[in-house]
PDB file of N, CA and C in Angstrom:
ATOM      1  N   MET A   1     146.037  22.339  70.086  1.00  0.00           N
ATOM      2  CA  MET A   1     146.012  22.358  68.632  1.00  0.00           C
ATOM      3  C   MET A   1     145.914  23.968  68.371  1.00  0.00           C
ATOM      4  N   PHE A   2     146.418  24.439  67.420  1.00  0.00           N
ATOM      5  CA  PHE A   2     146.432  25.887  67.155  1.00  0.00           C
ATOM      6  C   PHE A   2     145.250  26.227  66.364  1.00  0.00           C
ATOM      7  N   SER A   3     144.527  27.133  66.960  1.00  0.00           N
ATOM      8  CA  SER A   3     143.344  27.603  65.916  1.00  0.00           C
ATOM      9  C   SER A   3     143.550  28.962  65.526  1.00  0.00           C
ATOM     10  N   GLN A   4     143.351  29.226  64.419  1.00  0.00           N
ATOM     11  CA  GLN A   4     143.380  30.643  63.741  1.00  0.00           C
ATOM     12  C   GLN A   4     142.297  31.531  64.176  1.00  0.00           C
ATOM     13  N   GLN A   5     142.540  32.747  64.360  1.00  0.00           N
ATOM     14  CA  GLN A   5     141.466  33.697  64.696  1.00  0.00           C
ATOM     15  C   GLN A   5     141.646  34.943  63.943  1.00  0.00           C
ATOM     16  N   LEU A   6     140.694  35.350  63.158  1.00  0.00           N
ATOM     17  CA  LEU A   6     140.802  36.645  62.550  1.00  0.00           C
ATOM     18  C   LEU A   6     140.498  37.795  63.311  1.00  0.00           C
ATOM     19  N   ARG A   7     141.381  38.675  63.625  1.00  0.00           N
ATOM     20  CA  ARG A   7     141.263  39.586  64.584  1.00  0.00           C
ATOM     21  C   ARG A   7     141.534  41.012  63.784  1.00  0.00           C
ATOM     22  N   ILE A   8     140.366  41.490  63.343  1.00  0.00           N
ATOM     23  CA  ILE A   8     140.410  42.750  62.400  1.00  0.00           C
ATOM     24  C   ILE A   8     139.500  43.831  63.186  1.00  0.00           C
ATOM     25  N   PRO A   9     139.616  45.119  63.011  1.00  0.00           N
ATOM     26  CA  PRO A   9     138.615  46.159  63.713  1.00  0.00           C
ATOM     27  C   PRO A   9     137.639  46.414  62.510  1.00  0.00           C
ATOM     28  N   GLY A  10     136.973  45.622  62.184  1.00  0.00           N
ATOM     29  CA  GLY A  10     136.018  45.783  61.015  1.00  0.00           C
ATOM     30  C   GLY A  10     134.422  45.781  61.702  1.00  0.00           C
ATOM     31  N   PRO A  11     133.653  45.918  60.737  1.00  0.00           N
ATOM     32  CA  PRO A  11     133.940  46.715  59.348  1.00  0.00           C
ATOM     33  C   PRO A  11     134.264  47.882  59.511  1.00  0.00           C
ATOM     34  N   THR A  12     135.014  48.504  58.818  1.00  0.00           N
ATOM     35  CA  THR A  12     135.496  49.764  58.617  1.00  0.00           C
ATOM     36  C   THR A  12     134.740  50.522  57.707  1.00  0.00           C
ATOM     37  N   PRO A  13     134.107  51.548  57.899  1.00  0.00           N
ATOM     38  CA  PRO A  13     133.465  52.580  57.039  1.00  0.00           C
ATOM     39  C   PRO A  13     134.407  53.101  56.001  1.00  0.00           C
ATOM     40  N   VAL A  14     134.195  53.059  54.744  1.00  0.00           N
ATOM     41  CA  VAL A  14     135.081  53.639  53.668  1.00  0.00           C
ATOM     42  C   VAL A  14     134.618  54.806  53.218  1.00  0.00           C
ATOM     43  N   PRO A  15     135.149  55.913  53.192  1.00  0.00           N
ATOM     44  CA  PRO A  15     134.600  57.329  52.636  1.00  0.00           C
ATOM     45  C   PRO A  15     134.351  57.062  51.072  1.00  0.00           C
ATOM     46  N   PRO A  16     133.567  57.823  50.835  1.00  0.00           N
ATOM     47  CA  PRO A  16     133.013  57.531  49.228  1.00  0.00           C
ATOM     48  C   PRO A  16     134.273  58.192  48.343  1.00  0.00           C
ATOM     49  N   ARG A  17     135.038  59.077  48.752  1.00  0.00           N
ATOM     50  CA  ARG A  17     136.147  59.458  47.851  1.00  0.00           C
ATOM     51  C   ARG A  17     137.225  58.474  47.703  1.00  0.00           C
ATOM     52  N   VAL A  18     137.419  57.680  48.772  1.00  0.00           N
ATOM     53  CA  VAL A  18     138.260  56.636  48.655  1.00  0.00           C
ATOM     54  C   VAL A  18     137.699  55.415  47.812  1.00  0.00           C
ATOM     55  N   GLN A  19     136.519  55.082  48.017  1.00  0.00           N
ATOM     56  CA  GLN A  19     135.756  54.075  47.143  1.00  0.00           C
ATOM     57  C   GLN A  19     136.009  54.650  45.577  1.00  0.00           C
ATOM     58  N   ARG A  20     135.730  55.931  45.257  1.00  0.00           N
ATOM     59  CA  ARG A  20     135.984  56.293  43.849  1.00  0.00           C
ATOM     60  C   ARG A  20     137.269  56.074  43.421  1.00  0.00           C
ATOM     61  N   ALA A  21     138.293  56.534  44.142  1.00  0.00           N
ATOM     62  CA  ALA A  21     139.793  56.229  43.828  1.00  0.00           C
ATOM     63  C   ALA A  21     140.051  54.843  43.726  1.00  0.00           C
ATOM     64  N   MET A  22     139.359  53.782  44.235  1.00  0.00           N
ATOM     65  CA  MET A  22     139.742  52.533  44.063  1.00  0.00           C
ATOM     66  C   MET A  22     139.136  51.970  42.616  1.00  0.00           C
ATOM     67  N   ASN A  23     138.336  52.762  42.012  1.00  0.00           N
ATOM     68  CA  ASN A  23     137.863  52.579  40.804  1.00  0.00           C
ATOM     69  C   ASN A  23     139.009  52.930  39.636  1.00  0.00           C
ATOM     70  N   HIS A  24     139.941  53.502  40.063  1.00  0.00           N
ATOM     71  CA  HIS A  24     141.099  53.944  39.040  1.00  0.00           C
ATOM     72  C   HIS A  24     141.925  52.796  38.783  1.00  0.00           C
ATOM     73  N   ASP A  25     142.649  52.941  37.602  1.00  0.00           N
ATOM     74  CA  ASP A  25     143.697  51.925  37.413  1.00  0.00           C
ATOM     75  C   ASP A  25     144.952  51.927  38.378  1.00  0.00           C
ATOM     76  N   MET A  26     145.366  50.890  38.732  1.00  0.00           N
ATOM     77  CA  MET A  26     146.645  50.772  39.736  1.00  0.00           C
ATOM     78  C   MET A  26     147.717  51.575  39.202  1.00  0.00           C
ATOM     79  N   VAL A  27     148.558  52.161  39.956  1.00  0.00           N
ATOM     80  CA  VAL A  27     149.761  52.668  39.392  1.00  0.00           C
ATOM     81  C   VAL A  27     150.833  51.843  39.927  1.00  0.00           C
ATOM     82  N   GLY A  28     151.715  51.356  38.999  1.00  0.00           N
ATOM     83  CA  GLY A  28     152.839  50.454  39.313  1.00  0.00           C
ATOM     84  C   GLY A  28     154.012  51.221  40.351  1.00  0.00           C
ATOM     85  N   HIS A  29     154.667  50.435  41.004  1.00  0.00           N
ATOM     86  CA  HIS A  29     155.707  51.180  42.041  1.00  0.00           C
ATOM     87  C   HIS A  29     156.955  51.622  41.101  1.00  0.00           C
ATOM     88  N   ARG A  30     157.029  51.313  39.924  1.00  0.00           N
ATOM     89  CA  ARG A  30     158.106  51.839  39.023  1.00  0.00           C
ATOM     90  C   ARG A  30     157.641  52.879  37.959  1.00  0.00           C
ATOM     91  N   ASP A  31     156.337  53.093  37.905  1.00  0.00           N
ATOM     92  CA  ASP A  31     155.778  54.136  37.025  1.00  0.00           C
ATOM     93  C   ASP A  31     156.356  55.386  37.242  1.00  0.00           C
ATOM     94  N   GLU A  32     156.550  56.286  36.205  1.00  0.00           N
ATOM     95  CA  GLU A  32     156.816  57.617  36.472  1.00  0.00           C
ATOM     96  C   GLU A  32     155.851  58.465  37.270  1.00  0.00           C
ATOM     97  N   GLU A  33     154.574  58.098  37.457  1.00  0.00           N
ATOM     98  CA  GLU A  33     153.602  58.780  38.386  1.00  0.00           C
ATOM     99  C   GLU A  33     153.901  58.521  39.785  1.00  0.00           C
ATOM    100  N   THR A  34     154.361  57.410  40.144  1.00  0.00           N
ATOM    101  CA  THR A  34     154.696  57.053  41.473  1.00  0.00           C
ATOM    102  C   THR A  34     156.063  57.734  41.676  1.00  0.00           C
ATOM    103  N   LYS A  35     156.957  58.000  40.779  1.00  0.00           N
ATOM    104  CA  LYS A  35     158.268  58.676  41.151  1.00  0.00           C
ATOM    105  C   LYS A  35     157.888  60.138  41.422  1.00  0.00           C
ATOM    106  N   GLN A  36     156.848  60.627  40.605  1.00  0.00           N
ATOM    107  CA  GLN A  36     156.487  62.194  41.017  1.00  0.00           C
ATOM    108  C   GLN A  36     155.884  62.190  42.218  1.00  0.00           C
ATOM    109  N   LEU A  37     155.064  61.198  42.461  1.00  0.00           N
ATOM    110  CA  LEU A  37     154.407  61.307  43.851  1.00  0.00           C
ATOM    111  C   LEU A  37     155.144  61.301  45.140  1.00  0.00           C
ATOM    112  N   ILE A  38     156.114  60.347  44.882  1.00  0.00           N
ATOM    113  CA  ILE A  38     157.231  60.230  46.135  1.00  0.00           C
ATOM    114  C   ILE A  38     157.760  61.682  46.208  1.00  0.00           C
ATOM    115  N   HIS A  39     158.458  62.124  45.040  1.00  0.00           N
ATOM    116  CA  HIS A  39     159.011  63.385  45.139  1.00  0.00           C
ATOM    117  C   HIS A  39     158.216  64.419  46.015  1.00  0.00           C
ATOM    118  N   SER A  40     156.932  64.353  45.653  1.00  0.00           N
ATOM    119  CA  SER A  40     155.936  65.528  46.078  1.00  0.00           C
ATOM    120  C   SER A  40     155.855  65.371  47.476  1.00  0.00           C
ATOM    121  N   ILE A  41     155.818  63.949  48.061  1.00  0.00           N
ATOM    122  CA  ILE A  41     155.333  63.847  49.590  1.00  0.00           C
ATOM    123  C   ILE A  41     156.550  63.596  50.516  1.00  0.00           C
ATOM    124  N   GLN A  42     157.705  63.254  49.777  1.00  0.00           N
ATOM    125  CA  GLN A  42     158.747  63.017  50.736  1.00  0.00           C
ATOM    126  C   GLN A  42     159.199  64.370  51.660  1.00  0.00           C
ATOM    127  N   PRO A  43     159.277  65.536  51.299  1.00  0.00           N
ATOM    128  CA  PRO A  43     159.474  66.499  52.095  1.00  0.00           C
ATOM    129  C   PRO A  43     158.470  66.633  53.075  1.00  0.00           C
ATOM    130  N   LEU A  44     157.340  66.238  53.012  1.00  0.00           N
ATOM    131  CA  LEU A  44     156.189  66.312  54.080  1.00  0.00           C
ATOM    132  C   LEU A  44     156.377  65.297  55.135  1.00  0.00           C
ATOM    133  N   LEU A  45     157.142  64.308  54.958  1.00  0.00           N
ATOM    134  CA  LEU A  45     157.132  63.225  55.826  1.00  0.00           C
ATOM    135  C   LEU A  45     157.846  63.387  57.219  1.00  0.00           C
ATOM    136  N   PRO A  46     159.018  64.206  57.340  1.00  0.00           N
ATOM    137  CA  PRO A  46     159.723  64.346  58.515  1.00  0.00           C
ATOM    138  C   PRO A  46     158.775  64.667  59.871  1.00  0.00           C
ATOM    139  N   PRO A  47     157.982  65.767  59.753  1.00  0.00           N
ATOM    140  CA  PRO A  47     157.295  65.986  60.931  1.00  0.00           C
ATOM    141  C   PRO A  47     156.115  64.793  61.347  1.00  0.00           C
ATOM    142  N   ILE A  48     155.773  64.137  60.204  1.00  0.00           N
ATOM    143  CA  ILE A  48     154.869  63.112  60.568  1.00  0.00           C
ATOM    144  C   ILE A  48     155.609  62.079  61.354  1.00  0.00           C
ATOM    145  N   PHE A  49     156.834  61.663  61.142  1.00  0.00           N
ATOM    146  CA  PHE A  49     157.484  60.888  61.820  1.00  0.00           C
ATOM    147  C   PHE A  49     158.365  61.329  63.062  1.00  0.00           C
ATOM    148  N   GLY A  50     158.109  62.671  63.394  1.00  0.00           N
ATOM    149  CA  GLY A  50     158.920  63.363  64.511  1.00  0.00           C
ATOM    150  C   GLY A  50     160.145  63.239  64.271  1.00  0.00           C
ATOM    151  N   THR A  51     160.762  63.545  63.227  1.00  0.00           N
ATOM    152  CA  THR A  51     162.141  63.708  62.762  1.00  0.00           C
ATOM    153  C   THR A  51     162.555  64.926  61.995  1.00  0.00           C
ATOM    154  N   LYS A  52     163.835  65.449  62.196  1.00  0.00           N
ATOM    155  CA  LYS A  52     164.297  66.535  61.174  1.00  0.00           C
ATOM    156  C   LYS A  52     165.054  65.863  60.032  1.00  0.00           C
ATOM    157  N   GLN A  53     165.514  64.492  60.178  1.00  0.00           N
ATOM    158  CA  GLN A  53     166.062  63.900  59.199  1.00  0.00           C
ATOM    159  C   GLN A  53     165.307  63.578  57.968  1.00  0.00           C
ATOM    160  N   ASP A  54     165.972  63.208  56.948  1.00  0.00           N
ATOM    161  CA  ASP A  54     165.084  62.760  55.613  1.00  0.00           C
ATOM    162  C   ASP A  54     164.381  61.449  56.011  1.00  0.00           C
ATOM    163  N   VAL A  55     163.312  61.295  55.529  1.00  0.00           N
ATOM    164  CA  VAL A  55     162.394  59.961  55.555  1.00  0.00           C
ATOM    165  C   VAL A  55     162.807  59.408  54.245  1.00  0.00           C
ATOM    166  N   ILE A  56     163.273  58.249  54.064  1.00  0.00           N
ATOM    167  CA  ILE A  56     163.410  57.425  52.834  1.00  0.00           C
ATOM    168  C   ILE A  56     162.254  56.521  52.522  1.00  0.00           C
ATOM    169  N   ILE A  57     161.729  56.650  51.131  1.00  0.00           N
ATOM    170  CA  ILE A  57     160.624  55.888  50.706  1.00  0.00           C
ATOM    171  C   ILE A  57     161.232  54.820  49.954  1.00  0.00           C
ATOM    172  N   ILE A  58     161.096  53.552  50.234  1.00  0.00           N
ATOM    173  CA  ILE A  58     161.601  52.540  49.427  1.00  0.00           C
ATOM    174  C   ILE A  58     160.627  52.109  48.182  1.00  0.00           C
ATOM    175  N   GLU A  59     161.109  52.416  47.120  1.00  0.00           N
ATOM    176  CA  GLU A  59     160.173  52.290  45.913  1.00  0.00           C
ATOM    177  C   GLU A  59     160.803  50.962  45.293  1.00  0.00           C
ATOM    178  N   SER A  60     160.225  49.794  45.755  1.00  0.00           N
ATOM    179  CA  SER A  60     160.648  48.815  45.389  1.00  0.00           C
ATOM    180  C   SER A  60     159.737  47.482  45.608  1.00  0.00           C
ATOM    181  N   SER A  61     159.967  46.318  45.158  1.00  0.00           N
ATOM    182  CA  SER A  61     159.358  45.269  45.574  1.00  0.00           C
ATOM    183  C   SER A  61     159.436  44.844  46.955  1.00  0.00           C
ATOM    184  N   GLY A  62     158.687  43.933  47.617  1.00  0.00           N
ATOM    185  CA  GLY A  62     158.957  43.439  49.074  1.00  0.00           C
ATOM    186  C   GLY A  62     160.430  42.916  49.223  1.00  0.00           C
ATOM    187  N   THR A  63     160.890  42.136  48.277  1.00  0.00           N
ATOM    188  CA  THR A  63     162.239  41.789  48.295  1.00  0.00           C
ATOM    189  C   THR A  63     163.325  42.736  48.315  1.00  0.00           C
ATOM    190  N   GLY A  64     163.134  43.858  47.707  1.00  0.00           N
ATOM    191  CA  GLY A  64     163.951  45.180  47.728  1.00  0.00           C
ATOM    192  C   GLY A  64     163.917  45.806  49.128  1.00  0.00           C
ATOM    193  N   ALA A  65     162.664  45.836  49.789  1.00  0.00           N
ATOM    194  CA  ALA A  65     162.502  46.318  51.073  1.00  0.00           C
ATOM    195  C   ALA A  65     163.373  45.280  52.082  1.00  0.00           C
ATOM    196  N   LEU A  66     163.136  44.203  51.777  1.00  0.00           N
ATOM    197  CA  LEU A  66     163.814  42.943  52.707  1.00  0.00           C
ATOM    198  C   LEU A  66     165.468  43.337  52.604  1.00  0.00           C
ATOM    199  N   GLU A  67     165.834  43.551  51.326  1.00  0.00           N
ATOM    200  CA  GLU A  67     167.399  43.650  51.417  1.00  0.00           C
ATOM    201  C   GLU A  67     167.705  44.990  51.954  1.00  0.00           C
ATOM    202  N   THR A  68     166.986  46.066  51.696  1.00  0.00           N
ATOM    203  CA  THR A  68     167.235  47.244  52.328  1.00  0.00           C
ATOM    204  C   THR A  68     167.297  47.302  53.905  1.00  0.00           C
ATOM    205  N   ALA A  69     166.356  46.620  54.435  1.00  0.00           N
ATOM    206  CA  ALA A  69     166.476  46.432  55.986  1.00  0.00           C
ATOM    207  C   ALA A  69     167.716  45.626  56.231  1.00  0.00           C
ATOM    208  N   ALA A  70     168.085  44.566  55.435  1.00  0.00           N
ATOM    209  CA  ALA A  70     169.294  43.731  55.795  1.00  0.00           C
ATOM    210  C   ALA A  70     170.494  44.533  55.897  1.00  0.00           C
ATOM    211  N   VAL A  71     170.926  45.104  54.758  1.00  0.00           N
ATOM    212  CA  VAL A  71     172.089  45.872  54.699  1.00  0.00           C
ATOM    213  C   VAL A  71     172.129  47.249  55.458  1.00  0.00           C
ATOM    214  N   ASN A  72     170.978  47.660  56.151  1.00  0.00           N
ATOM    215  CA  ASN A  72     171.032  48.706  57.074  1.00  0.00           C
ATOM    216  C   ASN A  72     171.052  48.264  58.451  1.00  0.00           C
ATOM    217  N   MET A  73     171.182  47.091  58.744  1.00  0.00           N
ATOM    218  CA  MET A  73     171.105  46.689  60.150  1.00  0.00           C
ATOM    219  C   MET A  73     172.469  45.709  60.323  1.00  0.00           C
ATOM    220  N   ALA A  74     173.152  45.317  59.495  1.00  0.00           N
ATOM    221  CA  ALA A  74     174.184  44.477  59.769  1.00  0.00           C
ATOM    222  C   ALA A  74     175.258  44.467  58.430  1.00  0.00           C
ATOM    223  N   SER A  75     176.492  44.104  58.799  1.00  0.00           N
ATOM    224  CA  SER A  75     177.589  44.213  57.808  1.00  0.00           C
ATOM    225  C   SER A  75     177.966  42.784  57.742  1.00  0.00           C
ATOM    226  N   ALA A  76     178.830  42.517  56.619  1.00  0.00           N
ATOM    227  CA  ALA A  76     179.445  41.290  56.395  1.00  0.00           C
ATOM    228  C   ALA A  76     180.109  40.739  57.761  1.00  0.00           C
ATOM    229  N   GLY A  77     179.937  39.409  58.095  1.00  0.00           N
ATOM    230  CA  GLY A  77     180.619  38.777  59.250  1.00  0.00           C
ATOM    231  C   GLY A  77     179.832  39.214  60.508  1.00  0.00           C
ATOM    232  N   ASP A  78     178.696  39.961  60.527  1.00  0.00           N
ATOM    233  CA  ASP A  78     177.920  40.112  61.644  1.00  0.00           C
ATOM    234  C   ASP A  78     176.993  39.005  61.880  1.00  0.00           C
ATOM    235  N   GLU A  79     176.670  38.610  63.092  1.00  0.00           N
ATOM    236  CA  GLU A  79     175.501  37.667  63.306  1.00  0.00           C
ATOM    237  C   GLU A  79     174.205  38.106  63.339  1.00  0.00           C
ATOM    238  N   VAL A  80     173.202  37.480  62.589  1.00  0.00           N
ATOM    239  CA  VAL A  80     171.790  37.792  62.680  1.00  0.00           C
ATOM    240  C   VAL A  80     171.155  36.603  62.809  1.00  0.00           C
ATOM    241  N   LEU A  81     169.904  36.559  63.667  1.00  0.00           N
ATOM    242  CA  LEU A  81     168.982  35.554  63.892  1.00  0.00           C
ATOM    243  C   LEU A  81     167.743  35.825  63.013  1.00  0.00           C
ATOM    244  N   VAL A  82     167.407  34.940  62.199  1.00  0.00           N
ATOM    245  CA  VAL A  82     166.075  35.074  61.243  1.00  0.00           C
ATOM    246  C   VAL A  82     165.117  34.032  61.632  1.00  0.00           C
ATOM    247  N   ALA A  83     163.884  34.460  61.898  1.00  0.00           N
ATOM    248  CA  ALA A  83     162.969  33.597  62.326  1.00  0.00           C
ATOM    249  C   ALA A  83     162.271  33.220  61.018  1.00  0.00           C
ATOM    250  N   VAL A  84     162.383  31.882  60.637  1.00  0.00           N
ATOM    251  CA  VAL A  84     161.822  31.456  59.217  1.00  0.00           C
ATOM    252  C   VAL A  84     160.593  30.638  59.400  1.00  0.00           C
ATOM    253  N   THR A  85     159.364  31.220  59.025  1.00  0.00           N
ATOM    254  CA  THR A  85     158.219  30.678  59.380  1.00  0.00           C
ATOM    255  C   THR A  85     157.320  30.317  57.813  1.00  0.00           C
ATOM    256  N   GLY A  86     158.179  30.753  56.883  1.00  0.00           N
ATOM    257  CA  GLY A  86     157.550  30.523  55.636  1.00  0.00           C
ATOM    258  C   GLY A  86     158.441  31.379  54.428  1.00  0.00           C
ATOM    259  N   ALA A  87     157.933  31.522  53.358  1.00  0.00           N
ATOM    260  CA  ALA A  87     158.732  32.124  52.220  1.00  0.00           C
ATOM    261  C   ALA A  87     159.465  33.377  52.479  1.00  0.00           C
ATOM    262  N   PHE A  88     158.927  34.135  53.226  1.00  0.00           N
ATOM    263  CA  PHE A  88     159.499  35.596  53.437  1.00  0.00           C
ATOM    264  C   PHE A  88     160.720  35.468  54.504  1.00  0.00           C
ATOM    265  N   GLY A  89     160.406  34.659  55.520  1.00  0.00           N
ATOM    266  CA  GLY A  89     161.646  34.305  56.407  1.00  0.00           C
ATOM    267  C   GLY A  89     162.565  33.804  55.597  1.00  0.00           C
ATOM    268  N   ASP A  90     162.417  32.778  54.633  1.00  0.00           N
ATOM    269  CA  ASP A  90     163.352  32.148  54.046  1.00  0.00           C
ATOM    270  C   ASP A  90     164.204  33.122  53.125  1.00  0.00           C
ATOM    271  N   ARG A  91     163.488  33.886  52.556  1.00  0.00           N
ATOM    272  CA  ARG A  91     164.003  34.856  51.585  1.00  0.00           C
ATOM    273  C   ARG A  91     164.789  35.840  52.322  1.00  0.00           C
ATOM    274  N   PHE A  92     164.290  36.218  53.693  1.00  0.00           N
ATOM    275  CA  PHE A  92     165.134  37.167  54.396  1.00  0.00           C
ATOM    276  C   PHE A  92     166.520  36.592  54.833  1.00  0.00           C
ATOM    277  N   ALA A  93     166.413  35.207  55.124  1.00  0.00           N
ATOM    278  CA  ALA A  93     167.758  34.509  55.551  1.00  0.00           C
ATOM    279  C   ALA A  93     168.577  34.445  54.345  1.00  0.00           C
ATOM    280  N   ALA A  94     168.133  34.200  53.107  1.00  0.00           N
ATOM    281  CA  ALA A  94     168.874  34.027  52.030  1.00  0.00           C
ATOM    282  C   ALA A  94     169.703  35.212  51.477  1.00  0.00           C
ATOM    283  N   ILE A  95     168.852  36.391  51.677  1.00  0.00           N
ATOM    284  CA  ILE A  95     169.374  37.952  51.451  1.00  0.00           C
ATOM    285  C   ILE A  95     170.577  38.033  52.560  1.00  0.00           C
ATOM    286  N   CYS A  96     170.296  37.664  53.708  1.00  0.00           N
ATOM    287  CA  CYS A  96     171.338  37.818  54.882  1.00  0.00           C
ATOM    288  C   CYS A  96     172.741  37.038  54.601  1.00  0.00           C
ATOM    289  N   GLU A  97     172.355  35.789  54.051  1.00  0.00           N
ATOM    290  CA  GLU A  97     173.507  34.869  53.664  1.00  0.00           C
ATOM    291  C   GLU A  97     174.281  35.479  52.464  1.00  0.00           C
ATOM    292  N   ALA A  98     173.441  35.980  51.364  1.00  0.00           N
ATOM    293  CA  ALA A  98     174.084  36.502  50.301  1.00  0.00           C
ATOM    294  C   ALA A  98     175.083  37.866  50.579  1.00  0.00           C
ATOM    295  N   HIS A  99     174.842  38.498  51.699  1.00  0.00           N
ATOM    296  CA  HIS A  99     175.460  39.515  52.055  1.00  0.00           C
ATOM    297  C   HIS A  99     176.639  39.215  53.077  1.00  0.00           C
ATOM    298  N   GLN A 100     176.724  38.012  53.124  1.00  0.00           N
ATOM    299  CA  GLN A 100     177.775  37.183  54.054  1.00  0.00           C
ATOM    300  C   GLN A 100     177.689  37.502  55.597  1.00  0.00           C
ATOM    301  N   PHE A 101     176.455  37.723  55.927  1.00  0.00           N
ATOM    302  CA  PHE A 101     175.988  37.535  57.480  1.00  0.00           C
ATOM    303  C   PHE A 101     176.259  36.492  57.945  1.00  0.00           C
ATOM    304  N   LYS A 102     176.691  36.139  59.269  1.00  0.00           N
ATOM    305  CA  LYS A 102     176.600  34.907  59.961  1.00  0.00           C
ATOM    306  C   LYS A 102     175.112  34.749  60.498  1.00  0.00           C
ATOM    307  N   THR A 103     174.407  33.911  59.499  1.00  0.00           N
ATOM    308  CA  THR A 103     172.971  34.076  59.578  1.00  0.00           C
ATOM    309  C   THR A 103     172.626  32.585  60.337  1.00  0.00           C
ATOM    310  N   HIS A 104     171.845  32.821  61.470  1.00  0.00           N
ATOM    311  CA  HIS A 104     171.333  31.601  62.218  1.00  0.00           C
ATOM    312  C   HIS A 104     169.935  31.637  62.027  1.00  0.00           C
ATOM    313  N   ARG A 105     169.383  30.585  61.500  1.00  0.00           N
ATOM    314  CA  ARG A 105     167.916  30.347  61.097  1.00  0.00           C
ATOM    315  C   ARG A 105     167.185  29.726  62.448  1.00  0.00           C
ATOM    316  N   LEU A 106     165.879  30.201  62.731  1.00  0.00           N
ATOM    317  CA  LEU A 106     165.240  29.728  63.695  1.00  0.00           C
ATOM    318  C   LEU A 106     163.999  29.246  62.920  1.00  0.00           C
ATOM    319  N   ASN A 107     164.019  27.873  62.205  1.00  0.00           N
ATOM    320  CA  ASN A 107     163.125  27.343  61.480  1.00  0.00           C
ATOM    321  C   ASN A 107     161.962  26.894  62.485  1.00  0.00           C
ATOM    322  N   THR A 108     160.633  27.168  62.072  1.00  0.00           N
ATOM    323  CA  THR A 108     159.446  26.844  62.846  1.00  0.00           C
ATOM    324  C   THR A 108     158.285  26.874  61.941  1.00  0.00           C
ATOM    325  N   THR A 109     157.338  26.072  62.348  1.00  0.00           N
ATOM    326  CA  THR A 109     156.100  26.144  61.602  1.00  0.00           C
ATOM    327  C   THR A 109     155.206  27.312  61.737  1.00  0.00           C
ATOM    328  N   TRP A 110     154.588  27.711  60.789  1.00  0.00           N
ATOM    329  CA  TRP A 110     153.776  29.017  61.064  1.00  0.00           C
ATOM    330  C   TRP A 110     152.763  28.757  62.159  1.00  0.00           C
ATOM    331  N   GLY A 111     152.768  29.779  62.868  1.00  0.00           N
ATOM    332  CA  GLY A 111     151.813  29.746  64.220  1.00  0.00           C
ATOM    333  C   GLY A 111     152.404  29.284  65.412  1.00  0.00           C
ATOM    334  N   LYS A 112     153.451  28.625  65.180  1.00  0.00           N
ATOM    335  CA  LYS A 112     154.167  27.943  66.530  1.00  0.00           C
ATOM    336  C   LYS A 112     155.069  28.757  67.292  1.00  0.00           C
ATOM    337  N   LEU A 113     155.929  29.822  66.357  1.00  0.00           N
ATOM    338  CA  LEU A 113     156.852  30.433  67.182  1.00  0.00           C
ATOM    339  C   LEU A 113     156.374  31.281  68.125  1.00  0.00           C
ATOM    340  N   ALA A 114     155.100  31.929  68.139  1.00  0.00           N
ATOM    341  CA  ALA A 114     154.678  32.636  69.146  1.00  0.00           C
ATOM    342  C   ALA A 114     154.268  31.899  70.208  1.00  0.00           C
ATOM    343  N   ALA A 115     153.637  30.462  70.176  1.00  0.00           N
ATOM    344  CA  ALA A 115     153.628  29.739  71.450  1.00  0.00           C
ATOM    345  C   ALA A 115     154.821  29.388  71.980  1.00  0.00           C
ATOM    346  N   ARG A 116     155.848  29.019  71.189  1.00  0.00           N
ATOM    347  CA  ARG A 116     157.184  28.789  71.998  1.00  0.00           C
ATOM    348  C   ARG A 116     157.839  29.869  72.590  1.00  0.00           C
ATOM    349  N   MET A 117     157.612  31.144  72.076  1.00  0.00           N
ATOM    350  CA  MET A 117     158.298  32.352  72.832  1.00  0.00           C
ATOM    351  C   MET A 117     157.602  32.935  73.920  1.00  0.00           C
ATOM    352  N   SER A 118     156.311  32.542  74.116  1.00  0.00           N
ATOM    353  CA  SER A 118     155.381  32.974  75.239  1.00  0.00           C
ATOM    354  C   SER A 118     155.555  32.381  76.485  1.00  0.00           C
TER     355      SER A 118
END
């Protein structure tokens, strides 16, 4: 029987300035403030990632990020394998299918894939 364990490095001390920042209103990923923030930090990212190339920040929902990943890894007609353990795997497979990738779904129950592959 599969037993879930919470494996986190906590408790983690949160600096007071971070606690104060959490008291502010959230900024949406489509807000002008986010756009300005991204433009200000984007030029600072290449050295952090160890590259001289541009680092692209995906300013979208999670689904937008999944689609970005899909269309940058394969083209129509390419074969892809998607592990579907829940809603996000199913969504990723649907995105691949919509882009006409030859999509193979590995459907499994959450928590079972790691056991099968080890």
